[in-house]
Amino acid sequence: MIEQSRTSRNVSNEIGQFGLGLWYQGPNTPPLSWKSVEVGMPLGPFDWTLESYEIAIICYCAEIKEAHYLASKSNPVPILPPTGAFWASIGLLYGHFSATRGADIAHEIQWYRTMRAGEPTRISGRIADKYVKRGLHYISWETHCVSMSKEPIFDVKQTVLDISEGGVHENRSL
């Protein structure tokens, strides 16, 4: 678990504020780099309650307009769209490392059931792999989201290309 004392923000052990893991970053949060991560390194756990307005922000950014993802009089408790799992996975990683230059290479999302706004959940994961391919450095991690009764909600497997300083092979430029 990462240290929760952060700058002047009063942050609980919960991601449920838009920005996800970025809200946990402080002046001592290390940058994400291929050199600093270790395979098997745990990520989280964080208690996470996503609110309706956060789902609306995700829908706006992803240009999702389907009614069941948006709060309204007839749908006061919207469900998280599939892309929300991707955002949560990035948030989990950035709860431990500060954002650096990188590119999303691949992600796989497995949903087990819907997740509604206001539902308390727990999100956790681990660094699954890091490797060099054609002189480029890749970092992969897994994210697991479960209900408070430990019922699986979604899993994400994600890989990024580390293009931060020292992440790209010295003899190759992008």
N, C-alpha and C. Protein backbone atom coordinates (compact mmCIF):
# COMPACT_ATOMS: atom_id res chain seq x y z
N MET A 1 0.84 -1.17 0.00
CA MET A 1 0.00 0.00 0.00
C MET A 1 0.89 1.23 0.00
N ILE A 2 0.52 2.25 -0.77
CA ILE A 2 1.34 3.44 -0.81
C ILE A 2 0.98 4.37 0.33
N GLU A 3 1.90 5.21 0.67
CA GLU A 3 1.69 6.17 1.75
C GLU A 3 0.57 7.14 1.36
N GLN A 4 -0.32 7.44 2.29
CA GLN A 4 -1.46 8.27 1.98
C GLN A 4 -1.29 9.74 2.33
N SER A 5 -0.20 10.12 2.98
CA SER A 5 -0.04 11.54 3.30
C SER A 5 0.42 12.26 2.05
N ARG A 6 -0.42 13.08 1.51
CA ARG A 6 -0.15 13.79 0.28
C ARG A 6 -0.35 15.28 0.49
N THR A 7 0.39 16.09 -0.14
CA THR A 7 0.33 17.55 -0.11
C THR A 7 -0.80 18.07 0.78
N SER A 8 -1.52 19.08 0.32
CA SER A 8 -2.55 19.68 1.17
C SER A 8 -3.91 19.03 0.98
N ARG A 9 -4.08 18.12 0.03
CA ARG A 9 -5.37 17.46 -0.18
C ARG A 9 -5.65 16.48 0.94
N ASN A 10 -6.89 16.45 1.37
CA ASN A 10 -7.32 15.46 2.35
C ASN A 10 -7.89 14.28 1.56
N VAL A 11 -7.06 13.28 1.33
CA VAL A 11 -7.44 12.16 0.49
C VAL A 11 -7.58 10.91 1.35
N SER A 12 -8.72 10.23 1.20
CA SER A 12 -8.89 8.97 1.90
C SER A 12 -8.23 7.86 1.10
N ASN A 13 -8.38 6.64 1.54
CA ASN A 13 -7.82 5.50 0.82
C ASN A 13 -8.79 5.05 -0.26
N GLU A 14 -9.28 6.00 -1.03
CA GLU A 14 -10.28 5.71 -2.05
C GLU A 14 -9.95 6.46 -3.32
N ILE A 15 -10.13 5.81 -4.48
CA ILE A 15 -9.84 6.45 -5.76
C ILE A 15 -11.03 7.27 -6.24
N GLY A 16 -12.18 7.18 -5.64
CA GLY A 16 -13.41 7.73 -6.19
C GLY A 16 -13.46 9.22 -6.40
N GLN A 17 -12.44 9.80 -6.97
CA GLN A 17 -12.44 11.20 -7.36
C GLN A 17 -11.77 11.24 -8.71
N PHE A 18 -12.40 11.90 -9.67
CA PHE A 18 -11.89 11.82 -11.03
C PHE A 18 -10.41 12.17 -11.08
N GLY A 19 -9.67 11.44 -11.85
CA GLY A 19 -8.23 11.52 -11.87
C GLY A 19 -7.67 10.23 -11.34
N LEU A 20 -8.51 9.43 -10.70
CA LEU A 20 -8.15 8.14 -10.16
C LEU A 20 -6.82 8.20 -9.44
N GLY A 21 -5.84 7.43 -9.86
CA GLY A 21 -4.58 7.33 -9.15
C GLY A 21 -3.79 8.62 -9.08
N LEU A 22 -4.04 9.54 -10.01
CA LEU A 22 -3.30 10.80 -9.98
C LEU A 22 -3.51 11.56 -8.68
N TRP A 23 -4.63 11.34 -8.01
CA TRP A 23 -4.90 12.01 -6.74
C TRP A 23 -3.99 11.51 -5.64
N TYR A 24 -3.34 10.37 -5.83
CA TYR A 24 -2.45 9.82 -4.82
C TYR A 24 -1.00 10.23 -5.03
N GLN A 25 -0.72 10.91 -6.12
CA GLN A 25 0.66 11.29 -6.38
C GLN A 25 1.06 12.47 -5.52
N GLY A 26 2.27 12.40 -5.05
CA GLY A 26 2.84 13.48 -4.27
C GLY A 26 4.24 13.78 -4.75
N PRO A 27 4.93 14.65 -4.07
CA PRO A 27 6.27 15.04 -4.52
C PRO A 27 7.27 13.88 -4.50
N ASN A 28 7.01 12.83 -3.74
CA ASN A 28 7.93 11.70 -3.66
C ASN A 28 7.49 10.50 -4.48
N THR A 29 6.42 10.65 -5.28
CA THR A 29 5.96 9.55 -6.11
C THR A 29 6.97 9.34 -7.24
N PRO A 30 7.51 8.13 -7.37
CA PRO A 30 8.52 7.90 -8.40
C PRO A 30 7.92 7.90 -9.80
N PRO A 31 8.68 8.32 -10.79
CA PRO A 31 8.17 8.26 -12.16
C PRO A 31 8.10 6.81 -12.64
N LEU A 32 7.16 6.54 -13.52
CA LEU A 32 7.07 5.22 -14.11
C LEU A 32 8.22 5.06 -15.09
N SER A 33 9.02 4.03 -14.89
CA SER A 33 10.08 3.74 -15.85
C SER A 33 10.36 2.24 -15.84
N TRP A 34 10.78 1.75 -16.98
CA TRP A 34 11.08 0.34 -17.14
C TRP A 34 12.11 -0.10 -16.12
N LYS A 35 13.05 0.77 -15.82
CA LYS A 35 14.12 0.43 -14.88
C LYS A 35 13.62 0.30 -13.45
N SER A 36 12.55 1.02 -13.09
CA SER A 36 12.12 1.05 -11.68
C SER A 36 11.08 -0.01 -11.32
N VAL A 37 10.37 -0.58 -12.29
CA VAL A 37 9.35 -1.57 -11.96
C VAL A 37 9.95 -2.96 -11.89
N GLU A 38 9.40 -3.78 -11.03
CA GLU A 38 9.82 -5.17 -10.89
C GLU A 38 8.61 -6.07 -11.13
N VAL A 39 8.82 -7.13 -11.88
CA VAL A 39 7.74 -8.09 -12.13
C VAL A 39 7.26 -8.66 -10.79
N GLY A 40 5.95 -8.68 -10.61
CA GLY A 40 5.35 -9.15 -9.37
C GLY A 40 5.05 -8.03 -8.38
N MET A 41 5.55 -6.82 -8.64
CA MET A 41 5.32 -5.68 -7.75
C MET A 41 3.81 -5.45 -7.61
N PRO A 42 3.30 -5.41 -6.37
CA PRO A 42 1.85 -5.21 -6.18
C PRO A 42 1.43 -3.77 -6.48
N LEU A 43 0.22 -3.62 -6.97
CA LEU A 43 -0.41 -2.31 -7.19
C LEU A 43 -1.71 -2.29 -6.39
N GLY A 44 -1.88 -1.29 -5.56
CA GLY A 44 -3.06 -1.23 -4.70
C GLY A 44 -2.84 -2.07 -3.46
N PRO A 45 -3.91 -2.44 -2.80
CA PRO A 45 -5.30 -2.23 -3.19
C PRO A 45 -5.80 -0.83 -2.80
N PHE A 46 -6.78 -0.36 -3.56
CA PHE A 46 -7.49 0.87 -3.26
C PHE A 46 -8.97 0.56 -3.17
N ASP A 47 -9.66 1.13 -2.21
CA ASP A 47 -11.11 1.10 -2.20
C ASP A 47 -11.55 2.16 -3.19
N TRP A 48 -12.55 1.84 -4.02
CA TRP A 48 -12.92 2.70 -5.14
C TRP A 48 -14.43 2.76 -5.28
N THR A 49 -14.96 3.96 -5.18
CA THR A 49 -16.39 4.18 -5.40
C THR A 49 -16.51 5.25 -6.48
N LEU A 50 -16.92 4.83 -7.65
CA LEU A 50 -17.05 5.73 -8.79
C LEU A 50 -18.41 6.41 -8.73
N GLU A 51 -18.43 7.72 -8.88
CA GLU A 51 -19.67 8.48 -8.78
C GLU A 51 -20.25 8.78 -10.17
N SER A 52 -21.52 9.15 -10.22
CA SER A 52 -22.21 9.41 -11.49
C SER A 52 -21.51 10.47 -12.32
N TYR A 53 -21.04 11.54 -11.69
CA TYR A 53 -20.39 12.61 -12.45
C TYR A 53 -19.09 12.12 -13.08
N GLU A 54 -18.41 11.16 -12.43
CA GLU A 54 -17.17 10.62 -12.99
C GLU A 54 -17.47 9.77 -14.23
N ILE A 55 -18.57 9.02 -14.17
CA ILE A 55 -18.99 8.25 -15.34
C ILE A 55 -19.32 9.21 -16.48
N ALA A 56 -19.95 10.33 -16.17
CA ALA A 56 -20.27 11.33 -17.19
C ALA A 56 -19.00 11.89 -17.83
N ILE A 57 -17.97 12.11 -17.04
CA ILE A 57 -16.69 12.61 -17.58
C ILE A 57 -16.07 11.56 -18.50
N ILE A 58 -16.06 10.31 -18.08
CA ILE A 58 -15.52 9.23 -18.91
C ILE A 58 -16.31 9.16 -20.23
N CYS A 59 -17.63 9.23 -20.14
CA CYS A 59 -18.47 9.19 -21.35
C CYS A 59 -18.17 10.38 -22.27
N TYR A 60 -17.99 11.54 -21.69
CA TYR A 60 -17.69 12.73 -22.49
C TYR A 60 -16.35 12.54 -23.22
N CYS A 61 -15.33 12.11 -22.50
CA CYS A 61 -14.00 11.94 -23.10
C CYS A 61 -13.99 10.86 -24.17
N ALA A 62 -14.78 9.81 -23.99
CA ALA A 62 -14.82 8.69 -24.94
C ALA A 62 -15.94 8.86 -25.98
N GLU A 63 -16.66 9.98 -25.93
CA GLU A 63 -17.76 10.28 -26.84
C GLU A 63 -18.83 9.19 -26.83
N ILE A 64 -19.18 8.74 -25.62
CA ILE A 64 -20.21 7.73 -25.43
C ILE A 64 -21.51 8.44 -25.09
N LYS A 65 -22.58 8.13 -25.84
CA LYS A 65 -23.85 8.84 -25.66
C LYS A 65 -25.02 7.92 -25.32
N GLU A 66 -24.77 6.63 -25.07
CA GLU A 66 -25.84 5.71 -24.75
C GLU A 66 -26.45 6.06 -23.39
N ALA A 67 -27.77 6.07 -23.32
CA ALA A 67 -28.50 6.54 -22.14
C ALA A 67 -28.18 5.77 -20.86
N HIS A 68 -27.95 4.45 -20.93
CA HIS A 68 -27.73 3.68 -19.71
C HIS A 68 -26.40 4.00 -19.03
N TYR A 69 -25.51 4.73 -19.73
CA TYR A 69 -24.25 5.16 -19.12
C TYR A 69 -24.33 6.56 -18.53
N LEU A 70 -25.44 7.26 -18.74
CA LEU A 70 -25.56 8.64 -18.30
C LEU A 70 -26.69 8.78 -17.28
N ALA A 71 -26.46 9.55 -16.25
CA ALA A 71 -27.48 9.77 -15.22
C ALA A 71 -28.59 10.66 -15.78
N SER A 72 -29.81 10.32 -15.42
CA SER A 72 -30.98 11.10 -15.82
C SER A 72 -32.10 10.78 -14.84
N LYS A 73 -33.25 11.43 -14.99
CA LYS A 73 -34.38 11.14 -14.11
C LYS A 73 -34.79 9.67 -14.22
N SER A 74 -34.77 9.14 -15.45
CA SER A 74 -35.17 7.75 -15.64
C SER A 74 -34.03 6.76 -15.35
N ASN A 75 -32.81 7.26 -15.20
CA ASN A 75 -31.65 6.40 -14.93
C ASN A 75 -30.74 7.11 -13.92
N PRO A 76 -31.17 7.20 -12.65
CA PRO A 76 -30.40 7.97 -11.67
C PRO A 76 -29.07 7.34 -11.27
N VAL A 77 -28.91 6.03 -11.51
CA VAL A 77 -27.66 5.35 -11.14
C VAL A 77 -27.10 4.67 -12.39
N PRO A 78 -26.29 5.40 -13.17
CA PRO A 78 -25.78 4.83 -14.42
C PRO A 78 -24.76 3.73 -14.18
N ILE A 79 -24.52 2.93 -15.25
CA ILE A 79 -23.49 1.90 -15.18
C ILE A 79 -22.21 2.42 -15.82
N LEU A 80 -21.10 1.85 -15.39
CA LEU A 80 -19.80 2.22 -15.93
C LEU A 80 -19.67 1.65 -17.34
N PRO A 81 -19.32 2.49 -18.35
CA PRO A 81 -19.12 1.95 -19.69
C PRO A 81 -17.87 1.07 -19.74
N PRO A 82 -17.77 0.20 -20.73
CA PRO A 82 -16.61 -0.69 -20.81
C PRO A 82 -15.26 0.03 -20.76
N THR A 83 -15.18 1.22 -21.35
CA THR A 83 -13.91 1.96 -21.35
C THR A 83 -13.50 2.39 -19.94
N GLY A 84 -14.42 2.40 -19.01
CA GLY A 84 -14.11 2.80 -17.63
C GLY A 84 -13.10 1.86 -16.98
N ALA A 85 -13.10 0.59 -17.37
CA ALA A 85 -12.13 -0.36 -16.81
C ALA A 85 -10.71 0.03 -17.24
N PHE A 86 -10.57 0.50 -18.47
CA PHE A 86 -9.27 0.97 -18.96
C PHE A 86 -8.78 2.16 -18.12
N TRP A 87 -9.67 3.11 -17.87
CA TRP A 87 -9.32 4.28 -17.06
C TRP A 87 -8.93 3.87 -15.64
N ALA A 88 -9.66 2.92 -15.09
CA ALA A 88 -9.35 2.44 -13.73
C ALA A 88 -7.98 1.77 -13.69
N SER A 89 -7.65 1.02 -14.73
CA SER A 89 -6.36 0.35 -14.79
C SER A 89 -5.20 1.35 -14.84
N ILE A 90 -5.35 2.37 -15.66
CA ILE A 90 -4.34 3.44 -15.70
C ILE A 90 -4.26 4.12 -14.34
N GLY A 91 -5.42 4.39 -13.72
CA GLY A 91 -5.45 5.02 -12.41
C GLY A 91 -4.74 4.21 -11.35
N LEU A 92 -4.90 2.88 -11.41
CA LEU A 92 -4.22 2.02 -10.46
C LEU A 92 -2.70 2.15 -10.60
N LEU A 93 -2.21 2.12 -11.82
CA LEU A 93 -0.77 2.26 -12.06
C LEU A 93 -0.27 3.61 -11.57
N TYR A 94 -1.03 4.68 -11.89
CA TYR A 94 -0.61 6.02 -11.50
C TYR A 94 -0.88 6.32 -10.04
N GLY A 95 -1.46 5.40 -9.32
CA GLY A 95 -1.52 5.51 -7.87
C GLY A 95 -0.17 5.18 -7.24
N HIS A 96 0.72 4.62 -8.03
CA HIS A 96 2.05 4.21 -7.54
C HIS A 96 3.20 4.91 -8.24
N PHE A 97 2.97 5.38 -9.47
CA PHE A 97 4.02 6.03 -10.26
C PHE A 97 3.46 7.30 -10.88
N SER A 98 4.30 8.31 -11.02
CA SER A 98 3.85 9.52 -11.69
C SER A 98 3.85 9.29 -13.20
N ALA A 99 2.95 9.96 -13.86
CA ALA A 99 2.79 9.81 -15.30
C ALA A 99 4.05 10.27 -16.02
N THR A 100 4.43 9.49 -17.01
CA THR A 100 5.56 9.85 -17.85
C THR A 100 5.13 9.66 -19.29
N ARG A 101 6.02 9.94 -20.20
CA ARG A 101 5.69 9.73 -21.61
C ARG A 101 5.62 8.23 -21.88
N GLY A 102 4.58 7.84 -22.57
CA GLY A 102 4.40 6.44 -22.88
C GLY A 102 3.29 6.29 -23.89
N ALA A 103 3.12 5.10 -24.39
CA ALA A 103 2.07 4.83 -25.37
C ALA A 103 1.38 3.52 -25.00
N ASP A 104 0.05 3.54 -25.02
CA ASP A 104 -0.72 2.32 -24.78
C ASP A 104 -0.55 1.41 -26.00
N ILE A 105 -0.06 0.21 -25.77
CA ILE A 105 0.20 -0.73 -26.85
C ILE A 105 -0.93 -1.75 -26.97
N ALA A 106 -1.37 -2.27 -25.85
CA ALA A 106 -2.42 -3.30 -25.87
C ALA A 106 -3.15 -3.30 -24.55
N HIS A 107 -4.43 -3.61 -24.61
CA HIS A 107 -5.19 -3.85 -23.38
C HIS A 107 -6.32 -4.83 -23.68
N GLU A 108 -6.54 -5.70 -22.71
CA GLU A 108 -7.62 -6.67 -22.78
C GLU A 108 -8.48 -6.46 -21.54
N ILE A 109 -9.79 -6.38 -21.75
CA ILE A 109 -10.72 -6.17 -20.64
C ILE A 109 -11.70 -7.33 -20.60
N GLN A 110 -11.85 -7.92 -19.44
CA GLN A 110 -12.82 -8.99 -19.22
C GLN A 110 -13.83 -8.52 -18.18
N TRP A 111 -15.08 -8.36 -18.57
CA TRP A 111 -16.13 -7.96 -17.65
C TRP A 111 -16.86 -9.20 -17.16
N TYR A 112 -17.17 -9.21 -15.87
CA TYR A 112 -17.93 -10.31 -15.27
C TYR A 112 -19.36 -9.90 -14.95
N ARG A 113 -19.55 -8.60 -14.71
CA ARG A 113 -20.89 -8.06 -14.46
C ARG A 113 -20.81 -6.54 -14.55
N THR A 114 -21.97 -5.88 -14.57
CA THR A 114 -21.97 -4.42 -14.63
C THR A 114 -21.57 -3.81 -13.29
N MET A 115 -21.13 -2.59 -13.34
CA MET A 115 -20.77 -1.82 -12.14
C MET A 115 -21.54 -0.52 -12.19
N ARG A 116 -22.26 -0.22 -11.12
CA ARG A 116 -23.07 0.99 -11.06
C ARG A 116 -22.38 2.09 -10.26
N ALA A 117 -22.70 3.31 -10.59
CA ALA A 117 -22.19 4.45 -9.84
C ALA A 117 -22.56 4.29 -8.37
N GLY A 118 -21.63 4.65 -7.50
CA GLY A 118 -21.87 4.59 -6.07
C GLY A 118 -21.59 3.24 -5.42
N GLU A 119 -21.26 2.23 -6.22
CA GLU A 119 -20.99 0.90 -5.67
C GLU A 119 -19.57 0.83 -5.11
N PRO A 120 -19.42 0.52 -3.83
CA PRO A 120 -18.07 0.37 -3.27
C PRO A 120 -17.37 -0.86 -3.85
N THR A 121 -16.16 -0.68 -4.32
CA THR A 121 -15.38 -1.77 -4.88
C THR A 121 -13.95 -1.69 -4.38
N ARG A 122 -13.17 -2.68 -4.71
CA ARG A 122 -11.73 -2.68 -4.39
C ARG A 122 -10.98 -2.99 -5.69
N ILE A 123 -9.95 -2.21 -5.96
CA ILE A 123 -9.15 -2.39 -7.16
C ILE A 123 -7.71 -2.68 -6.75
N SER A 124 -7.11 -3.68 -7.39
CA SER A 124 -5.73 -4.07 -7.08
C SER A 124 -5.11 -4.68 -8.32
N GLY A 125 -3.83 -4.98 -8.23
CA GLY A 125 -3.16 -5.60 -9.38
C GLY A 125 -1.69 -5.83 -9.10
N ARG A 126 -0.96 -6.04 -10.18
CA ARG A 126 0.48 -6.27 -10.05
C ARG A 126 1.15 -6.02 -11.39
N ILE A 127 2.45 -5.74 -11.33
CA ILE A 127 3.24 -5.66 -12.56
C ILE A 127 3.40 -7.10 -13.05
N ALA A 128 2.92 -7.39 -14.25
CA ALA A 128 2.92 -8.75 -14.77
C ALA A 128 4.17 -9.09 -15.58
N ASP A 129 4.74 -8.09 -16.25
CA ASP A 129 5.89 -8.37 -17.10
C ASP A 129 6.57 -7.06 -17.48
N LYS A 130 7.83 -7.17 -17.83
CA LYS A 130 8.56 -6.09 -18.47
C LYS A 130 9.55 -6.75 -19.40
N TYR A 131 9.67 -6.21 -20.60
CA TYR A 131 10.51 -6.87 -21.58
C TYR A 131 11.00 -5.86 -22.62
N VAL A 132 12.02 -6.27 -23.35
CA VAL A 132 12.57 -5.47 -24.43
C VAL A 132 12.28 -6.22 -25.73
N LYS A 133 11.75 -5.50 -26.71
CA LYS A 133 11.46 -6.09 -28.01
C LYS A 133 11.89 -5.08 -29.07
N ARG A 134 12.80 -5.48 -29.94
CA ARG A 134 13.34 -4.61 -30.99
C ARG A 134 13.92 -3.33 -30.40
N GLY A 135 14.54 -3.45 -29.25
CA GLY A 135 15.18 -2.31 -28.61
C GLY A 135 14.25 -1.38 -27.86
N LEU A 136 12.96 -1.72 -27.79
CA LEU A 136 11.99 -0.88 -27.07
C LEU A 136 11.59 -1.56 -25.77
N HIS A 137 11.27 -0.76 -24.76
CA HIS A 137 10.97 -1.26 -23.42
C HIS A 137 9.47 -1.23 -23.16
N TYR A 138 8.92 -2.37 -22.73
CA TYR A 138 7.49 -2.52 -22.48
C TYR A 138 7.24 -2.88 -21.03
N ILE A 139 6.13 -2.37 -20.49
CA ILE A 139 5.69 -2.69 -19.13
C ILE A 139 4.25 -3.19 -19.22
N SER A 140 3.98 -4.34 -18.61
CA SER A 140 2.62 -4.90 -18.58
C SER A 140 2.16 -5.03 -17.14
N TRP A 141 0.88 -4.80 -16.89
CA TRP A 141 0.32 -4.99 -15.55
C TRP A 141 -1.10 -5.52 -15.65
N GLU A 142 -1.54 -6.08 -14.54
CA GLU A 142 -2.89 -6.63 -14.44
C GLU A 142 -3.66 -5.84 -13.39
N THR A 143 -4.93 -5.63 -13.66
CA THR A 143 -5.82 -4.91 -12.74
C THR A 143 -7.03 -5.79 -12.46
N HIS A 144 -7.42 -5.87 -11.20
CA HIS A 144 -8.59 -6.66 -10.80
C HIS A 144 -9.52 -5.75 -10.00
N CYS A 145 -10.79 -5.75 -10.35
CA CYS A 145 -11.79 -4.98 -9.61
C CYS A 145 -12.83 -5.96 -9.08
N VAL A 146 -13.09 -5.89 -7.78
CA VAL A 146 -14.06 -6.78 -7.14
C VAL A 146 -15.00 -5.95 -6.27
N SER A 147 -16.18 -6.51 -6.03
CA SER A 147 -17.11 -5.89 -5.09
C SER A 147 -16.55 -6.06 -3.68
N MET A 148 -17.14 -5.41 -2.72
CA MET A 148 -16.67 -5.54 -1.34
C MET A 148 -16.93 -6.95 -0.80
N SER A 149 -17.82 -7.70 -1.47
CA SER A 149 -18.02 -9.11 -1.09
C SER A 149 -17.12 -10.03 -1.93
N LYS A 150 -16.15 -9.44 -2.63
CA LYS A 150 -15.13 -10.15 -3.42
C LYS A 150 -15.67 -10.77 -4.71
N GLU A 151 -16.84 -10.34 -5.17
CA GLU A 151 -17.38 -10.80 -6.44
C GLU A 151 -16.64 -10.08 -7.58
N PRO A 152 -16.05 -10.82 -8.54
CA PRO A 152 -15.32 -10.18 -9.64
C PRO A 152 -16.22 -9.27 -10.47
N ILE A 153 -15.69 -8.09 -10.81
CA ILE A 153 -16.40 -7.16 -11.68
C ILE A 153 -15.70 -7.07 -13.03
N PHE A 154 -14.39 -6.78 -13.03
CA PHE A 154 -13.63 -6.80 -14.28
C PHE A 154 -12.16 -7.05 -14.00
N ASP A 155 -11.47 -7.52 -15.05
CA ASP A 155 -10.02 -7.67 -15.07
C ASP A 155 -9.49 -6.95 -16.30
N VAL A 156 -8.32 -6.37 -16.17
CA VAL A 156 -7.66 -5.71 -17.30
C VAL A 156 -6.22 -6.18 -17.35
N LYS A 157 -5.75 -6.48 -18.56
CA LYS A 157 -4.33 -6.72 -18.82
C LYS A 157 -3.90 -5.62 -19.77
N GLN A 158 -2.85 -4.90 -19.39
CA GLN A 158 -2.48 -3.72 -20.17
C GLN A 158 -0.97 -3.66 -20.36
N THR A 159 -0.54 -3.17 -21.53
CA THR A 159 0.87 -3.02 -21.85
C THR A 159 1.10 -1.62 -22.40
N VAL A 160 2.15 -0.97 -21.90
CA VAL A 160 2.55 0.33 -22.42
C VAL A 160 4.00 0.26 -22.88
N LEU A 161 4.31 1.12 -23.83
CA LEU A 161 5.68 1.32 -24.28
C LEU A 161 6.25 2.46 -23.46
N ASP A 162 7.35 2.22 -22.77
CA ASP A 162 7.98 3.23 -21.95
C ASP A 162 8.89 4.07 -22.84
N ILE A 163 8.52 5.33 -23.09
CA ILE A 163 9.37 6.21 -23.89
C ILE A 163 9.95 7.34 -23.04
N SER A 164 9.96 7.11 -21.72
CA SER A 164 10.58 8.09 -20.83
C SER A 164 12.09 8.02 -20.99
N GLU A 165 12.78 8.98 -20.43
CA GLU A 165 14.23 8.99 -20.50
C GLU A 165 14.78 7.68 -19.93
N GLY A 166 15.60 7.00 -20.69
CA GLY A 166 16.15 5.73 -20.25
C GLY A 166 15.26 4.54 -20.57
N GLY A 167 14.04 4.78 -21.00
CA GLY A 167 13.14 3.68 -21.30
C GLY A 167 13.33 3.14 -22.71
N VAL A 168 13.76 4.00 -23.63
CA VAL A 168 13.99 3.57 -25.00
C VAL A 168 15.46 3.19 -25.12
N HIS A 169 15.71 2.12 -25.83
CA HIS A 169 17.08 1.63 -26.00
C HIS A 169 17.97 2.77 -26.49
N GLU A 170 19.16 2.87 -25.98
CA GLU A 170 20.06 3.97 -26.25
C GLU A 170 20.37 4.14 -27.73
N ASN A 171 20.34 3.08 -28.52
CA ASN A 171 20.69 3.17 -29.93
C ASN A 171 19.48 3.38 -30.84
N ARG A 172 18.35 3.70 -30.27
CA ARG A 172 17.14 3.85 -31.07
C ARG A 172 16.43 5.13 -30.67
N SER A 173 15.93 5.88 -31.61
CA SER A 173 15.15 7.07 -31.31
C SER A 173 13.76 6.91 -31.91
N LEU A 174 12.79 7.58 -31.30
CA LEU A 174 11.42 7.52 -31.82
C LEU A 174 11.12 8.75 -32.62
